[in-house]
């Protein structure tokens, strides 16, 4: 029997009847017959997600003995139970780059930007704000994202224009509004600084960026007014494609388009709930934080699945936020939500009962990251899952936030990183000996980016 070597290109887009472009998930038809996946353009690509929450975690509620992760994880980390075999929890990390500059007090509420840079920001309130070195998400995007439609995707779940914090202490607002900073070069190509990338708050805007390319604002407004799906413009091309696909690929494509429609339904509900009339610009941000962040993570999963982007970052909250989280009941939370305000709760005065209440808020934040990890784990990608081929870095900038300590800072690595990371471990380092820059340097190694230094790094992360 003759086996053809022809296949559908991995980067296949369908064109809509009224504009738009629909990227497709990885299908069996994209892998040439009798060819090893690793030898084809469809070989699984690495992905990266950086997630930041300020204000540390409740001491005593996330740590555990070094070594193999126990059968029962600690209070804050328990939501990672179903992905713990692909999780490495790091203790003893030193966020030295988030400490106030020598000779100053305070000045550490404005350094979310240091998370992926590991470099103290320049103290300025002007347009010359910089973290001096590009954040690793942008370095990774430069390596693996340049042949994808969108090199990187930056998301936020709290409005920079809200009253959750006000800029001060001599630092520009951009330091707390963005964790993604891209390099600025002179005409000779020399790095001369960095600038903040805006973090997108509105899931509808993200959806249109992922799937509405080529359409006009008028077309998008008409579609939303009429309650139509973006997929309605692709019905003919989808139908023609499915005729030439095998049964497995048809199931994959149906699941993918069903997920797109479900996200559209939730976005429409958010728009109606916010009583914002459809317009040329997308509108309608979910009122519930839980709906908001899950929509973002569902969009990240779709974007990874269709290879629209391979790099994403999410700013989970802004410094000094007083937000509380009325999250829904779940297996991890038999009682609905918590009245503890984020920043206020972080100043628990080292009172055990207050620490325990704050731990519930931290537990919820970890649960949202677990939600993304489980979505990626449930999504097939070539010879494995999206989680097998991704790495999620979830971190913060403090240990005991009541004392504004920037040592004993928790971080988590979740995912297989294309076989580069062995999970199921807790690694602990001696206090104030290993900077987060070492971690960032080691993460970049997993993407084939070998650099001598990242921010304040002094070497690679031992035993990772």
Foldseek 3Di string as FASTA:
>chain_A
DDFDQDADDLADWFAFQQGWIHFFFDDPRNGGPPDPLVVHPQNAAFFEEEEEDALFAQPPQQDDDFWFADQAGGLQQRLLNVQQQQKEKEWFAFLVLQDPPPPDPDNNQQALLCQQFSANWDQAQDPQTFSFDFGLLQVLLVQRVPPAQDSEAAAEADDLPDVQDDDDPRHHSLSQQANGWDFDADPVRHTDGIDGDGHHHALVQLLCVNIVPTHALVVVLVCLLVVHASCVRCVVVVVVVVVPDDPVRVVLRVVLVVLSVVLVVLQSVQCVVVVPRRGSDRDGAHPASLSRLVSVLSSVLSCSRSRNYRYYYYYYDTRNGQDWHQAQDDPSHNDGTAPGGQVNLLLQVPDVVSSVSSSVVSSVVSSSVSSSLVSQQPADRPPHTSLQSYKYKYFYQAHSSSVRHRTRTMIMIGGNNNVPDRGRTYHYDHHPPFHCFQVSQQVVVSSVDHDPTRHPGPHHDPPD
